[in-house]
Amino acid sequence: MDIRKVDDEGDALSKEIVGLIESLGGKVTAAVPMGRRQFTYDIEKHKAGIYWDYAFELEEAKVIEIKKKYRLDERVLRNLIVIDERPEAAASKLAE
């Protein structure tokens, strides 16, 4: 997230993202703020940003809607969505 475009360390934007996922029929299992971090290289003349890590369950076809919504949002500099296809047992071992 762009530090200059969000207040409150991105909490309001985070609630907006969680609301969008839930409105699409998904379930957010975790929304973890990772704090401010320096970028390795400048992104659109920005030297740092606020990072968040989300874990959610949602149909793959609806993930495209999330990408479309935040692709042009000035508050979001970059995003990465990874599909986790591990079995339940493997995922629960990593959580421990």
PDB file of N, CA and C in Angstrom:
ATOM      1  N   MET A   1       0.837  -1.181   0.000  1.00  0.00           N
ATOM      2  CA  MET A   1       0.000   0.000   0.000  1.00  0.00           C
ATOM      3  C   MET A   1       0.876   1.237   0.000  1.00  0.00           C
ATOM      4  N   ASP A   2       0.402   2.240  -0.650  1.00  0.00           N
ATOM      5  CA  ASP A   2       1.110   3.508  -0.723  1.00  0.00           C
ATOM      6  C   ASP A   2       0.953   4.239   0.604  1.00  0.00           C
ATOM      7  N   ILE A   3       2.054   4.509   1.269  1.00  0.00           N
ATOM      8  CA  ILE A   3       2.046   5.163   2.575  1.00  0.00           C
ATOM      9  C   ILE A   3       1.360   6.517   2.513  1.00  0.00           C
ATOM     10  N   ARG A   4       1.553   7.229   1.416  1.00  0.00           N
ATOM     11  CA  ARG A   4       0.985   8.574   1.295  1.00  0.00           C
ATOM     12  C   ARG A   4      -0.513   8.571   1.007  1.00  0.00           C
ATOM     13  N   LYS A   5      -1.061   7.462   0.570  1.00  0.00           N
ATOM     14  CA  LYS A   5      -2.473   7.409   0.189  1.00  0.00           C
ATOM     15  C   LYS A   5      -3.366   6.761   1.238  1.00  0.00           C
ATOM     16  N   VAL A   6      -2.789   6.168   2.290  1.00  0.00           N
ATOM     17  CA  VAL A   6      -3.599   5.512   3.320  1.00  0.00           C
ATOM     18  C   VAL A   6      -3.270   6.079   4.691  1.00  0.00           C
ATOM     19  N   ASP A   7      -4.284   6.145   5.522  1.00  0.00           N
ATOM     20  CA  ASP A   7      -4.099   6.522   6.913  1.00  0.00           C
ATOM     21  C   ASP A   7      -4.213   5.256   7.749  1.00  0.00           C
ATOM     22  N   ASP A   8      -3.970   5.369   9.009  1.00  0.00           N
ATOM     23  CA  ASP A   8      -4.153   4.289   9.991  1.00  0.00           C
ATOM     24  C   ASP A   8      -3.481   2.968   9.592  1.00  0.00           C
ATOM     25  N   GLU A   9      -2.317   3.067   8.958  1.00  0.00           N
ATOM     26  CA  GLU A   9      -1.530   1.893   8.556  1.00  0.00           C
ATOM     27  C   GLU A   9      -2.309   0.941   7.651  1.00  0.00           C
ATOM     28  N   GLY A  10      -3.293   1.442   6.947  1.00  0.00           N
ATOM     29  CA  GLY A  10      -4.026   0.637   5.979  1.00  0.00           C
ATOM     30  C   GLY A  10      -5.186  -0.158   6.531  1.00  0.00           C
ATOM     31  N   ASP A  11      -5.591   0.099   7.779  1.00  0.00           N
ATOM     32  CA  ASP A  11      -6.689  -0.669   8.374  1.00  0.00           C
ATOM     33  C   ASP A  11      -7.999  -0.493   7.610  1.00  0.00           C
ATOM     34  N   ALA A  12      -8.322   0.721   7.194  1.00  0.00           N
ATOM     35  CA  ALA A  12      -9.565   0.967   6.465  1.00  0.00           C
ATOM     36  C   ALA A  12      -9.559   0.239   5.117  1.00  0.00           C
ATOM     37  N   LEU A  13      -8.441   0.284   4.408  1.00  0.00           N
ATOM     38  CA  LEU A  13      -8.340  -0.418   3.128  1.00  0.00           C
ATOM     39  C   LEU A  13      -8.416  -1.924   3.344  1.00  0.00           C
ATOM     40  N   SER A  14      -7.820  -2.396   4.419  1.00  0.00           N
ATOM     41  CA  SER A  14      -7.874  -3.819   4.727  1.00  0.00           C
ATOM     42  C   SER A  14      -9.312  -4.276   4.959  1.00  0.00           C
ATOM     43  N   LYS A  15     -10.078  -3.483   5.687  1.00  0.00           N
ATOM     44  CA  LYS A  15     -11.487  -3.822   5.926  1.00  0.00           C
ATOM     45  C   LYS A  15     -12.262  -3.820   4.607  1.00  0.00           C
ATOM     46  N   GLU A  16     -11.911  -2.909   3.718  1.00  0.00           N
ATOM     47  CA  GLU A  16     -12.553  -2.854   2.396  1.00  0.00           C
ATOM     48  C   GLU A  16     -12.258  -4.123   1.600  1.00  0.00           C
ATOM     49  N   ILE A  17     -11.015  -4.577   1.642  1.00  0.00           N
ATOM     50  CA  ILE A  17     -10.620  -5.791   0.919  1.00  0.00           C
ATOM     51  C   ILE A  17     -11.318  -7.009   1.491  1.00  0.00           C
ATOM     52  N   VAL A  18     -11.358  -7.107   2.813  1.00  0.00           N
ATOM     53  CA  VAL A  18     -12.048  -8.226   3.469  1.00  0.00           C
ATOM     54  C   VAL A  18     -13.531  -8.203   3.109  1.00  0.00           C
ATOM     55  N   GLY A  19     -14.142  -7.025   3.104  1.00  0.00           N
ATOM     56  CA  GLY A  19     -15.548  -6.900   2.731  1.00  0.00           C
ATOM     57  C   GLY A  19     -15.808  -7.352   1.301  1.00  0.00           C
ATOM     58  N   LEU A  20     -14.898  -7.016   0.388  1.00  0.00           N
ATOM     59  CA  LEU A  20     -15.042  -7.435  -1.002  1.00  0.00           C
ATOM     60  C   LEU A  20     -14.970  -8.957  -1.117  1.00  0.00           C
ATOM     61  N   ILE A  21     -14.014  -9.554  -0.451  1.00  0.00           N
ATOM     62  CA  ILE A  21     -13.867 -11.020  -0.504  1.00  0.00           C
ATOM     63  C   ILE A  21     -15.130 -11.690   0.026  1.00  0.00           C
ATOM     64  N   GLU A  22     -15.645 -11.184   1.150  1.00  0.00           N
ATOM     65  CA  GLU A  22     -16.847 -11.773   1.727  1.00  0.00           C
ATOM     66  C   GLU A  22     -18.074 -11.535   0.845  1.00  0.00           C
ATOM     67  N   SER A  23     -18.152 -10.395   0.189  1.00  0.00           N
ATOM     68  CA  SER A  23     -19.284 -10.120  -0.701  1.00  0.00           C
ATOM     69  C   SER A  23     -19.268 -11.024  -1.932  1.00  0.00           C
ATOM     70  N   LEU A  24     -18.093 -11.513  -2.303  1.00  0.00           N
ATOM     71  CA  LEU A  24     -17.973 -12.438  -3.432  1.00  0.00           C
ATOM     72  C   LEU A  24     -18.216 -13.885  -3.011  1.00  0.00           C
ATOM     73  N   GLY A  25     -18.551 -14.085  -1.733  1.00  0.00           N
ATOM     74  CA  GLY A  25     -18.829 -15.425  -1.244  1.00  0.00           C
ATOM     75  C   GLY A  25     -17.623 -16.128  -0.651  1.00  0.00           C
ATOM     76  N   GLY A  26     -16.561 -15.394  -0.401  1.00  0.00           N
ATOM     77  CA  GLY A  26     -15.349 -15.983   0.148  1.00  0.00           C
ATOM     78  C   GLY A  26     -15.309 -15.914   1.661  1.00  0.00           C
ATOM     79  N   LYS A  27     -14.282 -16.531   2.217  1.00  0.00           N
ATOM     80  CA  LYS A  27     -14.096 -16.556   3.659  1.00  0.00           C
ATOM     81  C   LYS A  27     -12.644 -16.182   3.957  1.00  0.00           C
ATOM     82  N   VAL A  28     -12.459 -15.101   4.709  1.00  0.00           N
ATOM     83  CA  VAL A  28     -11.107 -14.663   5.072  1.00  0.00           C
ATOM     84  C   VAL A  28     -10.703 -15.400   6.337  1.00  0.00           C
ATOM     85  N   THR A  29      -9.594 -16.135   6.265  1.00  0.00           N
ATOM     86  CA  THR A  29      -9.118 -16.874   7.429  1.00  0.00           C
ATOM     87  C   THR A  29      -8.047 -16.110   8.198  1.00  0.00           C
ATOM     88  N   ALA A  30      -7.383 -15.154   7.538  1.00  0.00           N
ATOM     89  CA  ALA A  30      -6.367 -14.343   8.218  1.00  0.00           C
ATOM     90  C   ALA A  30      -6.123 -13.058   7.444  1.00  0.00           C
ATOM     91  N   ALA A  31      -5.939 -11.972   8.183  1.00  0.00           N
ATOM     92  CA  ALA A  31      -5.537 -10.681   7.612  1.00  0.00           C
ATOM     93  C   ALA A  31      -4.478 -10.128   8.552  1.00  0.00           C
ATOM     94  N   VAL A  32      -3.235 -10.278   8.172  1.00  0.00           N
ATOM     95  CA  VAL A  32      -2.108  -9.966   9.060  1.00  0.00           C
ATOM     96  C   VAL A  32      -1.360  -8.729   8.557  1.00  0.00           C
ATOM     97  N   PRO A  33      -1.319  -7.658   9.373  1.00  0.00           N
ATOM     98  CA  PRO A  33      -0.512  -6.499   8.977  1.00  0.00           C
ATOM     99  C   PRO A  33       0.967  -6.812   9.179  1.00  0.00           C
ATOM    100  N   MET A  34       1.768  -6.554   8.161  1.00  0.00           N
ATOM    101  CA  MET A  34       3.194  -6.848   8.240  1.00  0.00           C
ATOM    102  C   MET A  34       4.027  -5.583   8.421  1.00  0.00           C
ATOM    103  N   GLY A  35       3.359  -4.425   8.470  1.00  0.00           N
ATOM    104  CA  GLY A  35       4.042  -3.172   8.759  1.00  0.00           C
ATOM    105  C   GLY A  35       4.665  -2.506   7.551  1.00  0.00           C
ATOM    106  N   ARG A  36       5.361  -1.404   7.837  1.00  0.00           N
ATOM    107  CA  ARG A  36       6.053  -0.648   6.789  1.00  0.00           C
ATOM    108  C   ARG A  36       7.383  -1.302   6.480  1.00  0.00           C
ATOM    109  N   ARG A  37       7.696  -1.345   5.207  1.00  0.00           N
ATOM    110  CA  ARG A  37       8.964  -1.931   4.775  1.00  0.00           C
ATOM    111  C   ARG A  37       9.536  -1.125   3.621  1.00  0.00           C
ATOM    112  N   GLN A  38      10.841  -1.084   3.577  1.00  0.00           N
ATOM    113  CA  GLN A  38      11.553  -0.436   2.468  1.00  0.00           C
ATOM    114  C   GLN A  38      11.513  -1.365   1.262  1.00  0.00           C
ATOM    115  N   PHE A  39      11.340  -0.793   0.074  1.00  0.00           N
ATOM    116  CA  PHE A  39      11.401  -1.569  -1.156  1.00  0.00           C
ATOM    117  C   PHE A  39      12.853  -1.780  -1.547  1.00  0.00           C
ATOM    118  N   THR A  40      13.123  -2.851  -2.245  1.00  0.00           N
ATOM    119  CA  THR A  40      14.459  -3.113  -2.767  1.00  0.00           C
ATOM    120  C   THR A  40      14.813  -2.080  -3.825  1.00  0.00           C
ATOM    121  N   TYR A  41      13.827  -1.690  -4.598  1.00  0.00           N
ATOM    122  CA  TYR A  41      14.000  -0.653  -5.611  1.00  0.00           C
ATOM    123  C   TYR A  41      12.737   0.214  -5.603  1.00  0.00           C
ATOM    124  N   ASP A  42      12.838   1.426  -6.100  1.00  0.00           N
ATOM    125  CA  ASP A  42      11.699   2.335  -6.112  1.00  0.00           C
ATOM    126  C   ASP A  42      10.586   1.797  -7.014  1.00  0.00           C
ATOM    127  N   ILE A  43       9.354   1.955  -6.559  1.00  0.00           N
ATOM    128  CA  ILE A  43       8.176   1.605  -7.342  1.00  0.00           C
ATOM    129  C   ILE A  43       7.402   2.895  -7.545  1.00  0.00           C
ATOM    130  N   GLU A  44       7.371   3.367  -8.764  1.00  0.00           N
ATOM    131  CA  GLU A  44       6.690   4.616  -9.087  1.00  0.00           C
ATOM    132  C   GLU A  44       7.126   5.751  -8.146  1.00  0.00           C
ATOM    133  N   LYS A  45       8.415   5.873  -7.929  1.00  0.00           N
ATOM    134  CA  LYS A  45       9.049   6.884  -7.078  1.00  0.00           C
ATOM    135  C   LYS A  45       8.739   6.720  -5.586  1.00  0.00           C
ATOM    136  N   HIS A  46       8.256   5.550  -5.176  1.00  0.00           N
ATOM    137  CA  HIS A  46       8.011   5.264  -3.763  1.00  0.00           C
ATOM    138  C   HIS A  46       9.162   4.415  -3.243  1.00  0.00           C
ATOM    139  N   LYS A  47       9.603   4.725  -2.045  1.00  0.00           N
ATOM    140  CA  LYS A  47      10.724   3.998  -1.456  1.00  0.00           C
ATOM    141  C   LYS A  47      10.288   2.970  -0.420  1.00  0.00           C
ATOM    142  N   ALA A  48       9.036   3.076   0.073  1.00  0.00           N
ATOM    143  CA  ALA A  48       8.544   2.159   1.097  1.00  0.00           C
ATOM    144  C   ALA A  48       7.038   2.002   0.961  1.00  0.00           C
ATOM    145  N   GLY A  49       6.500   0.987   1.614  1.00  0.00           N
ATOM    146  CA  GLY A  49       5.068   0.744   1.571  1.00  0.00           C
ATOM    147  C   GLY A  49       4.622  -0.056   2.781  1.00  0.00           C
ATOM    148  N   ILE A  50       3.326  -0.237   2.887  1.00  0.00           N
ATOM    149  CA  ILE A  50       2.736  -1.010   3.979  1.00  0.00           C
ATOM    150  C   ILE A  50       2.327  -2.354   3.400  1.00  0.00           C
ATOM    151  N   TYR A  51       2.753  -3.416   4.051  1.00  0.00           N
ATOM    152  CA  TYR A  51       2.469  -4.768   3.585  1.00  0.00           C
ATOM    153  C   TYR A  51       1.387  -5.418   4.440  1.00  0.00           C
ATOM    154  N   TRP A  52       0.511  -6.181   3.779  1.00  0.00           N
ATOM    155  CA  TRP A  52      -0.513  -6.988   4.446  1.00  0.00           C
ATOM    156  C   TRP A  52      -0.478  -8.373   3.836  1.00  0.00           C
ATOM    157  N   ASP A  53      -0.792  -9.378   4.647  1.00  0.00           N
ATOM    158  CA  ASP A  53      -0.856 -10.756   4.184  1.00  0.00           C
ATOM    159  C   ASP A  53      -2.257 -11.286   4.481  1.00  0.00           C
ATOM    160  N   TYR A  54      -2.960 -11.728   3.441  1.00  0.00           N
ATOM    161  CA  TYR A  54      -4.314 -12.257   3.586  1.00  0.00           C
ATOM    162  C   TYR A  54      -4.327 -13.733   3.222  1.00  0.00           C
ATOM    163  N   ALA A  55      -5.098 -14.498   3.955  1.00  0.00           N
ATOM    164  CA  ALA A  55      -5.378 -15.888   3.596  1.00  0.00           C
ATOM    165  C   ALA A  55      -6.896 -15.981   3.487  1.00  0.00           C
ATOM    166  N   PHE A  56      -7.368 -16.446   2.348  1.00  0.00           N
ATOM    167  CA  PHE A  56      -8.812 -16.529   2.168  1.00  0.00           C
ATOM    168  C   PHE A  56      -9.174 -17.683   1.249  1.00  0.00           C
ATOM    169  N   GLU A  57     -10.427 -18.103   1.345  1.00  0.00           N
ATOM    170  CA  GLU A  57     -10.961 -19.154   0.497  1.00  0.00           C
ATOM    171  C   GLU A  57     -11.975 -18.503  -0.432  1.00  0.00           C
ATOM    172  N   LEU A  58     -11.790 -18.708  -1.744  1.00  0.00           N
ATOM    173  CA  LEU A  58     -12.654 -18.094  -2.737  1.00  0.00           C
ATOM    174  C   LEU A  58     -12.526 -18.873  -4.038  1.00  0.00           C
ATOM    175  N   GLU A  59     -13.614 -18.932  -4.788  1.00  0.00           N
ATOM    176  CA  GLU A  59     -13.570 -19.600  -6.088  1.00  0.00           C
ATOM    177  C   GLU A  59     -12.539 -18.893  -6.976  1.00  0.00           C
ATOM    178  N   GLU A  60     -11.792 -19.681  -7.723  1.00  0.00           N
ATOM    179  CA  GLU A  60     -10.731 -19.115  -8.569  1.00  0.00           C
ATOM    180  C   GLU A  60     -11.255 -18.096  -9.568  1.00  0.00           C
ATOM    181  N   ALA A  61     -12.435 -18.316 -10.112  1.00  0.00           N
ATOM    182  CA  ALA A  61     -12.993 -17.397 -11.112  1.00  0.00           C
ATOM    183  C   ALA A  61     -13.263 -16.019 -10.509  1.00  0.00           C
ATOM    184  N   LYS A  62     -13.564 -15.943  -9.230  1.00  0.00           N
ATOM    185  CA  LYS A  62     -13.884 -14.671  -8.588  1.00  0.00           C
ATOM    186  C   LYS A  62     -12.635 -13.895  -8.169  1.00  0.00           C
ATOM    187  N   VAL A  63     -11.500 -14.560  -8.147  1.00  0.00           N
ATOM    188  CA  VAL A  63     -10.245 -13.883  -7.807  1.00  0.00           C
ATOM    189  C   VAL A  63      -9.932 -12.807  -8.849  1.00  0.00           C
ATOM    190  N   ILE A  64     -10.333 -13.037 -10.067  1.00  0.00           N
ATOM    191  CA  ILE A  64     -10.112 -12.064 -11.151  1.00  0.00           C
ATOM    192  C   ILE A  64     -10.790 -10.735 -10.821  1.00  0.00           C
ATOM    193  N   GLU A  65     -11.956 -10.792 -10.175  1.00  0.00           N
ATOM    194  CA  GLU A  65     -12.662  -9.567  -9.807  1.00  0.00           C
ATOM    195  C   GLU A  65     -11.861  -8.752  -8.798  1.00  0.00           C
ATOM    196  N   ILE A  66     -11.180  -9.415  -7.888  1.00  0.00           N
ATOM    197  CA  ILE A  66     -10.339  -8.714  -6.912  1.00  0.00           C
ATOM    198  C   ILE A  66      -9.183  -8.030  -7.634  1.00  0.00           C
ATOM    199  N   LYS A  67      -8.545  -8.747  -8.547  1.00  0.00           N
ATOM    200  CA  LYS A  67      -7.440  -8.163  -9.309  1.00  0.00           C
ATOM    201  C   LYS A  67      -7.893  -6.946 -10.103  1.00  0.00           C
ATOM    202  N   LYS A  68      -9.056  -7.041 -10.765  1.00  0.00           N
ATOM    203  CA  LYS A  68      -9.563  -5.931 -11.556  1.00  0.00           C
ATOM    204  C   LYS A  68      -9.834  -4.703 -10.690  1.00  0.00           C
ATOM    205  N   LYS A  69     -10.426  -4.927  -9.521  1.00  0.00           N
ATOM    206  CA  LYS A  69     -10.799  -3.810  -8.653  1.00  0.00           C
ATOM    207  C   LYS A  69      -9.577  -3.042  -8.171  1.00  0.00           C
ATOM    208  N   TYR A  70      -8.514  -3.730  -7.793  1.00  0.00           N
ATOM    209  CA  TYR A  70      -7.368  -3.063  -7.193  1.00  0.00           C
ATOM    210  C   TYR A  70      -6.221  -2.803  -8.162  1.00  0.00           C
ATOM    211  N   ARG A  71      -6.367  -3.206  -9.419  1.00  0.00           N
ATOM    212  CA  ARG A  71      -5.315  -2.956 -10.407  1.00  0.00           C
ATOM    213  C   ARG A  71      -5.116  -1.454 -10.636  1.00  0.00           C
ATOM    214  N   LEU A  72      -6.191  -0.705 -10.665  1.00  0.00           N
ATOM    215  CA  LEU A  72      -6.101   0.727 -10.930  1.00  0.00           C
ATOM    216  C   LEU A  72      -6.247   1.585  -9.673  1.00  0.00           C
ATOM    217  N   ASP A  73      -6.310   0.969  -8.508  1.00  0.00           N
ATOM    218  CA  ASP A  73      -6.444   1.701  -7.248  1.00  0.00           C
ATOM    219  C   ASP A  73      -5.094   2.311  -6.873  1.00  0.00           C
ATOM    220  N   GLU A  74      -5.056   3.620  -6.687  1.00  0.00           N
ATOM    221  CA  GLU A  74      -3.799   4.319  -6.387  1.00  0.00           C
ATOM    222  C   GLU A  74      -3.201   3.932  -5.042  1.00  0.00           C
ATOM    223  N   ARG A  75      -4.008   3.396  -4.147  1.00  0.00           N
ATOM    224  CA  ARG A  75      -3.509   3.029  -2.817  1.00  0.00           C
ATOM    225  C   ARG A  75      -2.709   1.736  -2.845  1.00  0.00           C
ATOM    226  N   VAL A  76      -2.939   0.893  -3.847  1.00  0.00           N
ATOM    227  CA  VAL A  76      -2.277  -0.407  -3.949  1.00  0.00           C
ATOM    228  C   VAL A  76      -1.180  -0.311  -5.005  1.00  0.00           C
ATOM    229  N   LEU A  77       0.068  -0.468  -4.563  1.00  0.00           N
ATOM    230  CA  LEU A  77       1.192  -0.382  -5.505  1.00  0.00           C
ATOM    231  C   LEU A  77       1.433  -1.707  -6.215  1.00  0.00           C
ATOM    232  N   ARG A  78       1.381  -2.803  -5.489  1.00  0.00           N
ATOM    233  CA  ARG A  78       1.579  -4.137  -6.055  1.00  0.00           C
ATOM    234  C   ARG A  78       0.697  -5.113  -5.280  1.00  0.00           C
ATOM    235  N   ASN A  79       0.319  -6.203  -5.956  1.00  0.00           N
ATOM    236  CA  ASN A  79      -0.362  -7.288  -5.260  1.00  0.00           C
ATOM    237  C   ASN A  79       0.058  -8.607  -5.877  1.00  0.00           C
ATOM    238  N   LEU A  80      -0.030  -9.628  -5.086  1.00  0.00           N
ATOM    239  CA  LEU A  80       0.323 -10.977  -5.531  1.00  0.00           C
ATOM    240  C   LEU A  80      -0.691 -11.931  -4.915  1.00  0.00           C
ATOM    241  N   ILE A  81      -1.361 -12.689  -5.765  1.00  0.00           N
ATOM    242  CA  ILE A  81      -2.320 -13.679  -5.290  1.00  0.00           C
ATOM    243  C   ILE A  81      -1.782 -15.049  -5.667  1.00  0.00           C
ATOM    244  N   VAL A  82      -1.628 -15.908  -4.661  1.00  0.00           N
ATOM    245  CA  VAL A  82      -1.073 -17.240  -4.852  1.00  0.00           C
ATOM    246  C   VAL A  82      -2.145 -18.263  -4.488  1.00  0.00           C
ATOM    247  N   ILE A  83      -2.342 -19.243  -5.343  1.00  0.00           N
ATOM    248  CA  ILE A  83      -3.311 -20.299  -5.068  1.00  0.00           C
ATOM    249  C   ILE A  83      -2.595 -21.398  -4.300  1.00  0.00           C
ATOM    250  N   ASP A  84      -3.112 -21.692  -3.124  1.00  0.00           N
ATOM    251  CA  ASP A  84      -2.539 -22.707  -2.250  1.00  0.00           C
ATOM    252  C   ASP A  84      -3.342 -23.985  -2.431  1.00  0.00           C
ATOM    253  N   GLU A  85      -2.732 -24.986  -3.017  1.00  0.00           N
ATOM    254  CA  GLU A  85      -3.432 -26.243  -3.288  1.00  0.00           C
ATOM    255  C   GLU A  85      -2.920 -27.387  -2.413  1.00  0.00           C
ATOM    256  N   ARG A  86      -2.344 -27.045  -1.272  1.00  0.00           N
ATOM    257  CA  ARG A  86      -1.861 -28.090  -0.379  1.00  0.00           C
ATOM    258  C   ARG A  86      -3.028 -28.798   0.304  1.00  0.00           C
ATOM    259  N   PRO A  87      -2.852 -30.064   0.646  1.00  0.00           N
ATOM    260  CA  PRO A  87      -3.895 -30.757   1.403  1.00  0.00           C
ATOM    261  C   PRO A  87      -4.075 -30.106   2.783  1.00  0.00           C
ATOM    262  N   GLU A  88      -5.221 -30.290   3.376  1.00  0.00           N
ATOM    263  CA  GLU A  88      -5.534 -29.708   4.686  1.00  0.00           C
ATOM    264  C   GLU A  88      -4.489 -30.078   5.740  1.00  0.00           C
ATOM    265  N   ALA A  89      -4.036 -31.310   5.753  1.00  0.00           N
ATOM    266  CA  ALA A  89      -3.086 -31.758   6.762  1.00  0.00           C
ATOM    267  C   ALA A  89      -1.773 -30.993   6.662  1.00  0.00           C
ATOM    268  N   ALA A  90      -1.294 -30.744   5.461  1.00  0.00           N
ATOM    269  CA  ALA A  90      -0.044 -30.012   5.267  1.00  0.00           C
ATOM    270  C   ALA A  90      -0.202 -28.558   5.684  1.00  0.00           C
ATOM    271  N   ALA A  91      -1.324 -27.962   5.372  1.00  0.00           N
ATOM    272  CA  ALA A  91      -1.572 -26.565   5.728  1.00  0.00           C
ATOM    273  C   ALA A  91      -1.661 -26.396   7.241  1.00  0.00           C
ATOM    274  N   SER A  92      -2.289 -27.343   7.933  1.00  0.00           N
ATOM    275  CA  SER A  92      -2.415 -27.226   9.381  1.00  0.00           C
ATOM    276  C   SER A  92      -1.064 -27.421  10.074  1.00  0.00           C
ATOM    277  N   LYS A  93      -0.168 -28.237   9.527  1.00  0.00           N
ATOM    278  CA  LYS A  93       1.164 -28.421  10.105  1.00  0.00           C
ATOM    279  C   LYS A  93       1.982 -27.148   9.994  1.00  0.00           C
ATOM    280  N   LEU A  94       1.821 -26.418   8.894  1.00  0.00           N
ATOM    281  CA  LEU A  94       2.547 -25.161   8.719  1.00  0.00           C
ATOM    282  C   LEU A  94       2.039 -24.095   9.676  1.00  0.00           C
ATOM    283  N   ALA A  95       0.765 -24.136  10.014  1.00  0.00           N
ATOM    284  CA  ALA A  95       0.188 -23.140  10.935  1.00  0.00           C
ATOM    285  C   ALA A  95       0.722 -23.311  12.351  1.00  0.00           C
ATOM    286  N   GLU A  96       1.133 -24.530  12.670  1.00  0.00           N
ATOM    287  CA  GLU A  96       1.662 -24.785  14.024  1.00  0.00           C
ATOM    288  C   GLU A  96       3.001 -24.209  14.132  1.00  0.00           C
TER     289      GLU A  96
END
